[in-house]
């Protein structure tokens, strides 16, 4: 039986299997709101190890982390605080008050800067754990996309082939405590309002405590979404919205600034997994007769705007 902790959280036996009741709840929530919280019955051990490894990296001195900044125009690697602006709906906003490290399968034009001169043991160990994390999220992505197929009236295995070996990224995000010289200017947020450009996004917060600050824009207002310890937040990306000709919707979301100097104002770390099909897949509507958003556009072409946003 599926258990629903609240209107947006489903308890499911992941990653091994999902019973019909849980699958129906996940499908309904993703179709209605574009996002769902899934609380695995058994904790995913790789989540805690991946968070520990990335926390160690973000704890390095700035000059050590900056050795992993990718070449101009490339995506994978490290980007420092307030060097990227994620807002797609409010382009006037300043760059986000966060830093990040990205690892994954990217197009050839976005190689990772991991030469022997700057890939030390800490980063090699972190990359190994993040690769294991990505493999786990690959399996979860396949399960969730299969769950969505009945709502889209397509075969259950429709997404299996195009997603196999697809362009997937793990992005470790660190939002430092705001104090002293690290305080927001006008309109600056930890992460400005945006819709993920992915097909599907899976986010994990802290493995031992709730993660706060994430807000979704629903019913013309911002609603806080607390990610419980060990939970997975799954949301539809704009690529899947376009691929399904709007049958699924990518939710607008942001990360607010902490309030005051109490418990809310602490370092916030998350891991986001962005799943996409292979680069050559054409994103014409999955159902014949639907009107395409971008006729003949490939995944690689679709993601080019995301890379431009994050590497300009």
C-alpha atoms as a PDB file:
ATOM      1  CA  UNK A   1       0.000   0.000   0.000  1.00  0.00           C
ATOM      2  CA  UNK A   2       1.142   3.551  -0.717  1.00  0.00           C
ATOM      3  CA  UNK A   3       1.341   5.888   2.238  1.00  0.00           C
ATOM      4  CA  UNK A   4       0.902   9.616   1.765  1.00  0.00           C
ATOM      5  CA  UNK A   5       2.552  11.683   4.516  1.00  0.00           C
ATOM      6  CA  UNK A   6       0.967  14.883   3.249  1.00  0.00           C
ATOM      7  CA  UNK A   7      -0.580  16.076  -0.004  1.00  0.00           C
ATOM      8  CA  UNK A   8       2.785  15.975  -1.813  1.00  0.00           C
ATOM      9  CA  UNK A   9       4.796  13.154  -0.166  1.00  0.00           C
ATOM     10  CA  UNK A  10       4.588   9.481  -1.117  1.00  0.00           C
ATOM     11  CA  UNK A  11       6.327   6.657   0.761  1.00  0.00           C
ATOM     12  CA  UNK A  12       7.618   4.141  -1.761  1.00  0.00           C
ATOM     13  CA  UNK A  13       9.903   1.103  -1.849  1.00  0.00           C
ATOM     14  CA  UNK A  14      12.705   2.634  -3.891  1.00  0.00           C
ATOM     15  CA  UNK A  15      14.850   1.812  -5.718  1.00  0.00           C
ATOM     16  CA  UNK A  16      13.812  -1.864  -5.845  1.00  0.00           C
ATOM     17  CA  UNK A  17      10.149  -1.555  -6.782  1.00  0.00           C
ATOM     18  CA  UNK A  18       7.080   0.648  -6.491  1.00  0.00           C
ATOM     19  CA  UNK A  19       3.663  -0.846  -5.775  1.00  0.00           C
ATOM     20  CA  UNK A  20       0.641   0.179  -7.830  1.00  0.00           C
ATOM     21  CA  UNK A  21      -0.756   2.453  -5.142  1.00  0.00           C
ATOM     22  CA  UNK A  22       2.467   4.421  -4.756  1.00  0.00           C
ATOM     23  CA  UNK A  23       2.895   4.599  -8.522  1.00  0.00           C
ATOM     24  CA  UNK A  24      -0.598   6.068  -8.891  1.00  0.00           C
ATOM     25  CA  UNK A  25       0.100   8.692  -6.229  1.00  0.00           C
ATOM     26  CA  UNK A  26       3.419   9.661  -7.837  1.00  0.00           C
ATOM     27  CA  UNK A  27       1.807   9.854 -11.269  1.00  0.00           C
ATOM     28  CA  UNK A  28      -1.106  11.967 -10.047  1.00  0.00           C
ATOM     29  CA  UNK A  29       1.118  14.469  -8.257  1.00  0.00           C
ATOM     30  CA  UNK A  30       3.568  14.863 -11.141  1.00  0.00           C
ATOM     31  CA  UNK A  31       0.719  15.347 -13.613  1.00  0.00           C
ATOM     32  CA  UNK A  32      -1.106  17.822 -11.382  1.00  0.00           C
ATOM     33  CA  UNK A  33       1.730  19.916  -9.907  1.00  0.00           C
ATOM     34  CA  UNK A  34       4.905  18.925 -11.754  1.00  0.00           C
ATOM     35  CA  UNK A  35       6.668  17.738  -8.584  1.00  0.00           C
ATOM     36  CA  UNK A  36       6.455  15.124  -5.846  1.00  0.00           C
ATOM     37  CA  UNK A  37       8.354  14.205  -2.693  1.00  0.00           C
ATOM     38  CA  UNK A  38       9.217  10.514  -2.408  1.00  0.00           C
ATOM     39  CA  UNK A  39      10.301   9.079   0.935  1.00  0.00           C
ATOM     40  CA  UNK A  40      12.137   5.773   0.367  1.00  0.00           C
ATOM     41  CA  UNK A  41      11.222   3.045   2.825  1.00  0.00           C
ATOM     42  CA  UNK A  42      14.928   2.262   3.160  1.00  0.00           C
ATOM     43  CA  UNK A  43      17.457   5.147   3.089  1.00  0.00           C
ATOM     44  CA  UNK A  44      19.739   5.295   0.058  1.00  0.00           C
ATOM     45  CA  UNK A  45      23.222   4.944   1.546  1.00  0.00           C
ATOM     46  CA  UNK A  46      24.915   6.594  -1.424  1.00  0.00           C
ATOM     47  CA  UNK A  47      23.085   9.856  -0.674  1.00  0.00           C
ATOM     48  CA  UNK A  48      24.828  10.296   2.680  1.00  0.00           C
ATOM     49  CA  UNK A  49      28.225   9.422   1.194  1.00  0.00           C
ATOM     50  CA  UNK A  50      27.760  11.821  -1.718  1.00  0.00           C
ATOM     51  CA  UNK A  51      26.724  14.659   0.584  1.00  0.00           C
ATOM     52  CA  UNK A  52      29.709  14.027   2.846  1.00  0.00           C
ATOM     53  CA  UNK A  53      32.122  14.037  -0.101  1.00  0.00           C
ATOM     54  CA  UNK A  54      30.769  17.266  -1.585  1.00  0.00           C
ATOM     55  CA  UNK A  55      30.696  18.963   1.820  1.00  0.00           C
ATOM     56  CA  UNK A  56      34.404  18.197   2.137  1.00  0.00           C
ATOM     57  CA  UNK A  57      35.043  19.748  -1.276  1.00  0.00           C
ATOM     58  CA  UNK A  58      33.057  22.908  -0.536  1.00  0.00           C
ATOM     59  CA  UNK A  59      35.020  23.252   2.703  1.00  0.00           C
ATOM     60  CA  UNK A  60      38.246  23.770   0.757  1.00  0.00           C
ATOM     61  CA  UNK A  61      39.809  27.204   0.434  1.00  0.00           C
ATOM     62  CA  UNK A  62      38.521  29.244  -2.515  1.00  0.00           C
ATOM     63  CA  UNK A  63      41.813  29.021  -4.398  1.00  0.00           C
ATOM     64  CA  UNK A  64      41.769  25.219  -4.171  1.00  0.00           C
ATOM     65  CA  UNK A  65      38.220  24.964  -5.527  1.00  0.00           C
ATOM     66  CA  UNK A  66      38.941  27.449  -8.292  1.00  0.00           C
ATOM     67  CA  UNK A  67      41.494  25.022  -9.747  1.00  0.00           C
ATOM     68  CA  UNK A  68      38.450  23.107 -10.999  1.00  0.00           C
ATOM     69  CA  UNK A  69      36.758  25.992 -12.814  1.00  0.00           C
ATOM     70  CA  UNK A  70      36.123  24.751 -16.389  1.00  0.00           C
ATOM     71  CA  UNK A  71      37.391  26.533 -19.487  1.00  0.00           C
ATOM     72  CA  UNK A  72      35.237  29.434 -20.786  1.00  0.00           C
ATOM     73  CA  UNK A  73      32.028  28.187 -22.354  1.00  0.00           C
ATOM     74  CA  UNK A  74      32.141  24.793 -20.617  1.00  0.00           C
ATOM     75  CA  UNK A  75      29.740  23.525 -17.974  1.00  0.00           C
ATOM     76  CA  UNK A  76      31.265  20.666 -15.975  1.00  0.00           C
ATOM     77  CA  UNK A  77      33.412  21.497 -12.954  1.00  0.00           C
ATOM     78  CA  UNK A  78      33.293  24.192 -10.282  1.00  0.00           C
ATOM     79  CA  UNK A  79      31.626  27.601 -10.339  1.00  0.00           C
ATOM     80  CA  UNK A  80      32.052  30.007  -7.438  1.00  0.00           C
ATOM     81  CA  UNK A  81      29.575  32.046  -5.422  1.00  0.00           C
ATOM     82  CA  UNK A  82      27.560  34.593  -7.417  1.00  0.00           C
ATOM     83  CA  UNK A  83      29.100  33.592 -10.764  1.00  0.00           C
ATOM     84  CA  UNK A  84      25.932  32.101 -12.306  1.00  0.00           C
ATOM     85  CA  UNK A  85      22.399  33.392 -12.658  1.00  0.00           C
ATOM     86  CA  UNK A  86      19.831  30.636 -12.836  1.00  0.00           C
ATOM     87  CA  UNK A  87      16.725  32.817 -13.164  1.00  0.00           C
ATOM     88  CA  UNK A  88      14.984  32.228 -16.474  1.00  0.00           C
ATOM     89  CA  UNK A  89      11.844  34.255 -15.722  1.00  0.00           C
ATOM     90  CA  UNK A  90      13.415  37.314 -14.085  1.00  0.00           C
ATOM     91  CA  UNK A  91      16.619  38.083 -16.025  1.00  0.00           C
ATOM     92  CA  UNK A  92      17.202  41.337 -14.128  1.00  0.00           C
ATOM     93  CA  UNK A  93      18.143  39.432 -10.975  1.00  0.00           C
ATOM     94  CA  UNK A  94      21.794  39.371  -9.828  1.00  0.00           C
ATOM     95  CA  UNK A  95      23.766  36.118  -9.853  1.00  0.00           C
ATOM     96  CA  UNK A  96      22.756  33.483  -7.307  1.00  0.00           C
ATOM     97  CA  UNK A  97      24.337  33.276  -3.856  1.00  0.00           C
ATOM     98  CA  UNK A  98      25.556  29.731  -4.299  1.00  0.00           C
ATOM     99  CA  UNK A  99      28.498  27.705  -5.572  1.00  0.00           C
ATOM    100  CA  UNK A 100      28.316  24.398  -7.404  1.00  0.00           C
ATOM    101  CA  UNK A 101      30.271  21.454  -8.736  1.00  0.00           C
ATOM    102  CA  UNK A 102      28.974  19.523 -11.766  1.00  0.00           C
ATOM    103  CA  UNK A 103      29.872  16.051 -12.980  1.00  0.00           C
ATOM    104  CA  UNK A 104      28.240  13.970 -15.678  1.00  0.00           C
ATOM    105  CA  UNK A 105      27.756  12.956 -19.268  1.00  0.00           C
ATOM    106  CA  UNK A 106      27.893  16.083 -21.394  1.00  0.00           C
ATOM    107  CA  UNK A 107      28.159  16.737 -25.132  1.00  0.00           C
ATOM    108  CA  UNK A 108      31.656  16.673 -26.573  1.00  0.00           C
ATOM    109  CA  UNK A 109      31.719  20.471 -26.708  1.00  0.00           C
ATOM    110  CA  UNK A 110      31.555  20.564 -22.901  1.00  0.00           C
ATOM    111  CA  UNK A 111      34.501  18.445 -21.698  1.00  0.00           C
ATOM    112  CA  UNK A 112      35.365  18.451 -18.026  1.00  0.00           C
ATOM    113  CA  UNK A 113      38.577  20.114 -16.870  1.00  0.00           C
ATOM    114  CA  UNK A 114      40.101  17.118 -15.066  1.00  0.00           C
ATOM    115  CA  UNK A 115      43.707  16.986 -16.202  1.00  0.00           C
ATOM    116  CA  UNK A 116      46.296  15.298 -14.034  1.00  0.00           C
ATOM    117  CA  UNK A 117      47.562  18.686 -12.858  1.00  0.00           C
ATOM    118  CA  UNK A 118      44.394  19.658 -11.025  1.00  0.00           C
ATOM    119  CA  UNK A 119      42.469  16.487 -10.186  1.00  0.00           C
ATOM    120  CA  UNK A 120      43.727  15.663  -6.713  1.00  0.00           C
ATOM    121  CA  UNK A 121      42.741  12.729  -4.508  1.00  0.00           C
ATOM    122  CA  UNK A 122      39.841  14.494  -2.795  1.00  0.00           C
ATOM    123  CA  UNK A 123      38.160  15.350  -6.086  1.00  0.00           C
ATOM    124  CA  UNK A 124      38.856  11.909  -7.553  1.00  0.00           C
ATOM    125  CA  UNK A 125      37.193  10.310  -4.513  1.00  0.00           C
ATOM    126  CA  UNK A 126      34.271  12.730  -4.749  1.00  0.00           C
ATOM    127  CA  UNK A 127      33.834  11.986  -8.448  1.00  0.00           C
ATOM    128  CA  UNK A 128      33.737   8.249  -7.748  1.00  0.00           C
ATOM    129  CA  UNK A 129      30.960   8.698  -5.195  1.00  0.00           C
ATOM    130  CA  UNK A 130      29.041  11.085  -7.455  1.00  0.00           C
ATOM    131  CA  UNK A 131      29.278   8.578 -10.309  1.00  0.00           C
ATOM    132  CA  UNK A 132      27.755   5.927  -8.028  1.00  0.00           C
ATOM    133  CA  UNK A 133      25.082   8.443  -6.995  1.00  0.00           C
ATOM    134  CA  UNK A 134      24.341   9.122 -10.683  1.00  0.00           C
ATOM    135  CA  UNK A 135      23.966   5.401 -11.400  1.00  0.00           C
ATOM    136  CA  UNK A 136      21.395   5.129  -8.600  1.00  0.00           C
ATOM    137  CA  UNK A 137      19.504   8.162  -9.922  1.00  0.00           C
ATOM    138  CA  UNK A 138      19.586   6.671 -13.436  1.00  0.00           C
ATOM    139  CA  UNK A 139      17.608   3.718 -12.122  1.00  0.00           C
ATOM    140  CA  UNK A 140      15.147   5.941 -10.266  1.00  0.00           C
ATOM    141  CA  UNK A 141      14.654   8.082 -13.370  1.00  0.00           C
ATOM    142  CA  UNK A 142      13.771   5.023 -15.434  1.00  0.00           C
ATOM    143  CA  UNK A 143      11.229   3.915 -12.816  1.00  0.00           C
ATOM    144  CA  UNK A 144       9.584   7.338 -12.586  1.00  0.00           C
ATOM    145  CA  UNK A 145       9.339   7.770 -16.366  1.00  0.00           C
ATOM    146  CA  UNK A 146       7.714   4.340 -16.625  1.00  0.00           C
ATOM    147  CA  UNK A 147       5.223   5.433 -13.950  1.00  0.00           C
ATOM    148  CA  UNK A 148       4.286   8.453 -16.101  1.00  0.00           C
ATOM    149  CA  UNK A 149       3.664   6.472 -19.301  1.00  0.00           C
ATOM    150  CA  UNK A 150       0.023   5.463 -18.589  1.00  0.00           C
ATOM    151  CA  UNK A 151      -0.935   9.113 -18.089  1.00  0.00           C
ATOM    152  CA  UNK A 152       0.633   9.938 -21.459  1.00  0.00           C
ATOM    153  CA  UNK A 153      -1.014   6.938 -23.152  1.00  0.00           C
ATOM    154  CA  UNK A 154       2.278   5.577 -24.466  1.00  0.00           C
ATOM    155  CA  UNK A 155       3.988   2.175 -24.024  1.00  0.00           C
ATOM    156  CA  UNK A 156       5.599   1.636 -20.618  1.00  0.00           C
ATOM    157  CA  UNK A 157       9.034   1.279 -22.172  1.00  0.00           C
ATOM    158  CA  UNK A 158       8.781   4.387 -24.410  1.00  0.00           C
ATOM    159  CA  UNK A 159      11.526   6.323 -22.590  1.00  0.00           C
ATOM    160  CA  UNK A 160      13.904   3.377 -22.049  1.00  0.00           C
ATOM    161  CA  UNK A 161      15.827   3.586 -25.333  1.00  0.00           C
ATOM    162  CA  UNK A 162      16.163   7.385 -25.682  1.00  0.00           C
ATOM    163  CA  UNK A 163      17.228   7.768 -22.035  1.00  0.00           C
ATOM    164  CA  UNK A 164      19.835   4.968 -22.141  1.00  0.00           C
ATOM    165  CA  UNK A 165      23.247   6.630 -22.041  1.00  0.00           C
ATOM    166  CA  UNK A 166      21.614  10.055 -22.058  1.00  0.00           C
ATOM    167  CA  UNK A 167      23.086  13.410 -21.063  1.00  0.00           C
ATOM    168  CA  UNK A 168      22.869  13.296 -17.281  1.00  0.00           C
ATOM    169  CA  UNK A 169      24.465  15.596 -14.715  1.00  0.00           C
ATOM    170  CA  UNK A 170      24.938  15.561 -10.957  1.00  0.00           C
ATOM    171  CA  UNK A 171      25.240  19.112  -9.627  1.00  0.00           C
ATOM    172  CA  UNK A 172      26.315  19.561  -6.014  1.00  0.00           C
ATOM    173  CA  UNK A 173      25.015  22.893  -4.717  1.00  0.00           C
ATOM    174  CA  UNK A 174      26.301  24.808  -1.711  1.00  0.00           C
ATOM    175  CA  UNK A 175      24.507  27.869  -0.338  1.00  0.00           C
ATOM    176  CA  UNK A 176      26.746  29.381   2.374  1.00  0.00           C
ATOM    177  CA  UNK A 177      25.466  30.979   5.531  1.00  0.00           C
ATOM    178  CA  UNK A 178      24.689  34.634   4.848  1.00  0.00           C
ATOM    179  CA  UNK A 179      26.649  36.981   7.092  1.00  0.00           C
ATOM    180  CA  UNK A 180      29.380  39.591   6.952  1.00  0.00           C
ATOM    181  CA  UNK A 181      30.500  40.117   3.379  1.00  0.00           C
ATOM    182  CA  UNK A 182      28.166  37.434   2.063  1.00  0.00           C
ATOM    183  CA  UNK A 183      24.780  39.173   2.171  1.00  0.00           C
ATOM    184  CA  UNK A 184      22.307  39.613  -0.695  1.00  0.00           C
ATOM    185  CA  UNK A 185      21.939  42.802  -2.683  1.00  0.00           C
ATOM    186  CA  UNK A 186      18.572  43.972  -4.004  1.00  0.00           C
ATOM    187  CA  UNK A 187      16.656  41.146  -5.744  1.00  0.00           C
ATOM    188  CA  UNK A 188      19.446  38.625  -5.120  1.00  0.00           C
ATOM    189  CA  UNK A 189      18.422  35.149  -3.927  1.00  0.00           C
ATOM    190  CA  UNK A 190      20.158  31.911  -3.178  1.00  0.00           C
ATOM    191  CA  UNK A 191      18.625  30.746  -6.477  1.00  0.00           C
ATOM    192  CA  UNK A 192      16.423  32.963  -8.614  1.00  0.00           C
ATOM    193  CA  UNK A 193      13.110  31.778 -10.104  1.00  0.00           C
ATOM    194  CA  UNK A 194      13.640  29.213 -12.844  1.00  0.00           C
ATOM    195  CA  UNK A 195      12.326  26.114 -14.537  1.00  0.00           C
ATOM    196  CA  UNK A 196      14.799  23.256 -14.935  1.00  0.00           C
ATOM    197  CA  UNK A 197      15.814  22.700 -18.559  1.00  0.00           C
ATOM    198  CA  UNK A 198      16.105  18.957 -17.934  1.00  0.00           C
ATOM    199  CA  UNK A 199      13.778  16.135 -18.812  1.00  0.00           C
ATOM    200  CA  UNK A 200      13.500  15.104 -15.159  1.00  0.00           C
ATOM    201  CA  UNK A 201      15.207  16.416 -12.015  1.00  0.00           C
ATOM    202  CA  UNK A 202      15.785  14.502  -8.772  1.00  0.00           C
ATOM    203  CA  UNK A 203      17.002  16.492  -5.774  1.00  0.00           C
ATOM    204  CA  UNK A 204      18.185  15.242  -2.401  1.00  0.00           C
ATOM    205  CA  UNK A 205      18.720  17.429   0.630  1.00  0.00           C
ATOM    206  CA  UNK A 206      20.656  16.775   3.804  1.00  0.00           C
ATOM    207  CA  UNK A 207      20.517  13.066   4.710  1.00  0.00           C
ATOM    208  CA  UNK A 208      20.043  13.707   8.447  1.00  0.00           C
ATOM    209  CA  UNK A 209      17.930  16.864   8.698  1.00  0.00           C
ATOM    210  CA  UNK A 210      15.179  18.643   6.733  1.00  0.00           C
ATOM    211  CA  UNK A 211      16.252  20.982   3.952  1.00  0.00           C
ATOM    212  CA  UNK A 212      14.397  24.291   3.880  1.00  0.00           C
ATOM    213  CA  UNK A 213      14.258  27.286   1.561  1.00  0.00           C
ATOM    214  CA  UNK A 214      12.945  25.725  -1.663  1.00  0.00           C
ATOM    215  CA  UNK A 215       9.756  27.385  -2.915  1.00  0.00           C
ATOM    216  CA  UNK A 216       7.409  26.493  -5.775  1.00  0.00           C
ATOM    217  CA  UNK A 217       5.147  29.011  -7.485  1.00  0.00           C
ATOM    218  CA  UNK A 218       1.624  27.633  -7.270  1.00  0.00           C
ATOM    219  CA  UNK A 219      -1.752  29.394  -7.324  1.00  0.00           C
ATOM    220  CA  UNK A 220      -0.004  32.725  -7.974  1.00  0.00           C
ATOM    221  CA  UNK A 221       2.070  32.570  -4.781  1.00  0.00           C
ATOM    222  CA  UNK A 222       5.297  31.052  -3.481  1.00  0.00           C
ATOM    223  CA  UNK A 223       4.835  27.906  -1.385  1.00  0.00           C
ATOM    224  CA  UNK A 224       7.638  26.520   0.787  1.00  0.00           C
ATOM    225  CA  UNK A 225       8.610  22.906   0.160  1.00  0.00           C
ATOM    226  CA  UNK A 226      10.578  21.365   3.030  1.00  0.00           C
ATOM    227  CA  UNK A 227      12.509  18.304   1.860  1.00  0.00           C
ATOM    228  CA  UNK A 228      12.543  15.772   4.736  1.00  0.00           C
ATOM    229  CA  UNK A 229      15.781  14.027   5.646  1.00  0.00           C
ATOM    230  CA  UNK A 230      16.438  11.207   3.179  1.00  0.00           C
ATOM    231  CA  UNK A 231      13.619  12.198   0.819  1.00  0.00           C
ATOM    232  CA  UNK A 232      13.801  12.654  -2.945  1.00  0.00           C
ATOM    233  CA  UNK A 233      12.190  15.637  -4.629  1.00  0.00           C
ATOM    234  CA  UNK A 234      11.276  14.833  -8.234  1.00  0.00           C
ATOM    235  CA  UNK A 235      10.160  17.517 -10.672  1.00  0.00           C
ATOM    236  CA  UNK A 236       9.343  17.755 -14.348  1.00  0.00           C
ATOM    237  CA  UNK A 237      11.789  19.744 -16.489  1.00  0.00           C
ATOM    238  CA  UNK A 238      10.880  22.029 -19.383  1.00  0.00           C
ATOM    239  CA  UNK A 239      12.345  19.532 -21.876  1.00  0.00           C
ATOM    240  CA  UNK A 240       9.763  16.928 -20.850  1.00  0.00           C
ATOM    241  CA  UNK A 241       7.048  19.600 -20.892  1.00  0.00           C
ATOM    242  CA  UNK A 242       7.895  20.394 -24.516  1.00  0.00           C
ATOM    243  CA  UNK A 243       8.395  16.739 -25.455  1.00  0.00           C
ATOM    244  CA  UNK A 244       4.892  15.940 -24.173  1.00  0.00           C
ATOM    245  CA  UNK A 245       3.426  19.071 -25.829  1.00  0.00           C
ATOM    246  CA  UNK A 246       2.403  20.480 -22.477  1.00  0.00           C
ATOM    247  CA  UNK A 247       0.729  17.367 -21.087  1.00  0.00           C
ATOM    248  CA  UNK A 248       3.246  17.648 -18.232  1.00  0.00           C
ATOM    249  CA  UNK A 249       4.363  20.993 -16.802  1.00  0.00           C
ATOM    250  CA  UNK A 250       7.726  22.138 -15.430  1.00  0.00           C
ATOM    251  CA  UNK A 251       7.144  24.030 -12.167  1.00  0.00           C
ATOM    252  CA  UNK A 252       8.669  27.449 -11.496  1.00  0.00           C
ATOM    253  CA  UNK A 253      10.770  27.369  -8.327  1.00  0.00           C
ATOM    254  CA  UNK A 254      13.443  29.263  -6.411  1.00  0.00           C
ATOM    255  CA  UNK A 255      15.534  29.106  -3.231  1.00  0.00           C
ATOM    256  CA  UNK A 256      14.790  31.970  -0.868  1.00  0.00           C
ATOM    257  CA  UNK A 257      17.284  33.710   1.376  1.00  0.00           C
ATOM    258  CA  UNK A 258      17.376  32.655   5.035  1.00  0.00           C
ATOM    259  CA  UNK A 259      15.448  34.736   7.528  1.00  0.00           C
ATOM    260  CA  UNK A 260      17.398  36.405  10.335  1.00  0.00           C
ATOM    261  CA  UNK A 261      20.465  34.940  12.001  1.00  0.00           C
ATOM    262  CA  UNK A 262      18.843  31.979  13.743  1.00  0.00           C
ATOM    263  CA  UNK A 263      18.655  28.313  12.787  1.00  0.00           C
ATOM    264  CA  UNK A 264      17.241  29.174   9.352  1.00  0.00           C
ATOM    265  CA  UNK A 265      20.472  30.955   8.396  1.00  0.00           C
ATOM    266  CA  UNK A 266      22.808  28.027   7.955  1.00  0.00           C
ATOM    267  CA  UNK A 267      24.740  26.474   5.118  1.00  0.00           C
ATOM    268  CA  UNK A 268      22.410  24.631   2.750  1.00  0.00           C
ATOM    269  CA  UNK A 269      23.702  21.776   0.592  1.00  0.00           C
ATOM    270  CA  UNK A 270      21.779  19.735  -1.966  1.00  0.00           C
ATOM    271  CA  UNK A 271      22.456  17.337  -4.834  1.00  0.00           C
ATOM    272  CA  UNK A 272      20.502  17.767  -8.059  1.00  0.00           C
ATOM    273  CA  UNK A 273      20.413  15.072 -10.733  1.00  0.00           C
ATOM    274  CA  UNK A 274      19.355  16.295 -14.181  1.00  0.00           C
ATOM    275  CA  UNK A 275      18.304  13.450 -16.494  1.00  0.00           C
ATOM    276  CA  UNK A 276      18.064  13.930 -20.255  1.00  0.00           C
ATOM    277  CA  UNK A 277      17.893  11.714 -23.352  1.00  0.00           C
ATOM    278  CA  UNK A 278      20.853  11.133 -25.667  1.00  0.00           C
ATOM    279  CA  UNK A 279      22.089  14.190 -27.534  1.00  0.00           C
ATOM    280  CA  UNK A 280      20.809  13.111 -30.972  1.00  0.00           C
ATOM    281  CA  UNK A 281      17.200  12.419 -29.871  1.00  0.00           C
ATOM    282  CA  UNK A 282      14.721  14.708 -31.653  1.00  0.00           C
ATOM    283  CA  UNK A 283      12.180  16.260 -29.289  1.00  0.00           C
ATOM    284  CA  UNK A 284       9.148  16.186 -31.579  1.00  0.00           C
ATOM    285  CA  UNK A 285       5.950  15.385 -29.619  1.00  0.00           C
ATOM    286  CA  UNK A 286       5.826  11.861 -28.282  1.00  0.00           C
ATOM    287  CA  UNK A 287       2.226  11.568 -29.480  1.00  0.00           C
ATOM    288  CA  UNK A 288       1.444  12.114 -33.128  1.00  0.00           C
ATOM    289  CA  UNK A 289      -0.929  14.984 -33.724  1.00  0.00           C
ATOM    290  CA  UNK A 290       0.347  17.117 -30.845  1.00  0.00           C
ATOM    291  CA  UNK A 291       1.754  20.515 -31.795  1.00  0.00           C
ATOM    292  CA  UNK A 292       5.534  20.662 -31.351  1.00  0.00           C
ATOM    293  CA  UNK A 293       7.119  23.446 -29.299  1.00  0.00           C
ATOM    294  CA  UNK A 294      10.362  23.265 -31.310  1.00  0.00           C
ATOM    295  CA  UNK A 295       9.992  21.115 -34.432  1.00  0.00           C
ATOM    296  CA  UNK A 296      13.053  19.005 -35.240  1.00  0.00           C
ATOM    297  CA  UNK A 297      15.115  20.210 -32.271  1.00  0.00           C
ATOM    298  CA  UNK A 298      17.573  17.726 -30.787  1.00  0.00           C
ATOM    299  CA  UNK A 299      18.395  17.303 -27.106  1.00  0.00           C
ATOM    300  CA  UNK A 300      21.843  18.779 -27.684  1.00  0.00           C
ATOM    301  CA  UNK A 301      20.327  21.862 -29.310  1.00  0.00           C
ATOM    302  CA  UNK A 302      17.757  22.181 -26.551  1.00  0.00           C
ATOM    303  CA  UNK A 303      20.388  22.086 -23.825  1.00  0.00           C
ATOM    304  CA  UNK A 304      22.594  24.631 -25.593  1.00  0.00           C
ATOM    305  CA  UNK A 305      20.589  27.464 -24.028  1.00  0.00           C
ATOM    306  CA  UNK A 306      21.139  25.978 -20.561  1.00  0.00           C
ATOM    307  CA  UNK A 307      24.877  25.769 -21.124  1.00  0.00           C
ATOM    308  CA  UNK A 308      24.893  29.363 -22.397  1.00  0.00           C
ATOM    309  CA  UNK A 309      23.044  30.498 -19.281  1.00  0.00           C
ATOM    310  CA  UNK A 310      25.478  28.781 -16.936  1.00  0.00           C
ATOM    311  CA  UNK A 311      28.696  29.552 -18.756  1.00  0.00           C
ATOM    312  CA  UNK A 312      28.268  33.155 -19.931  1.00  0.00           C
END
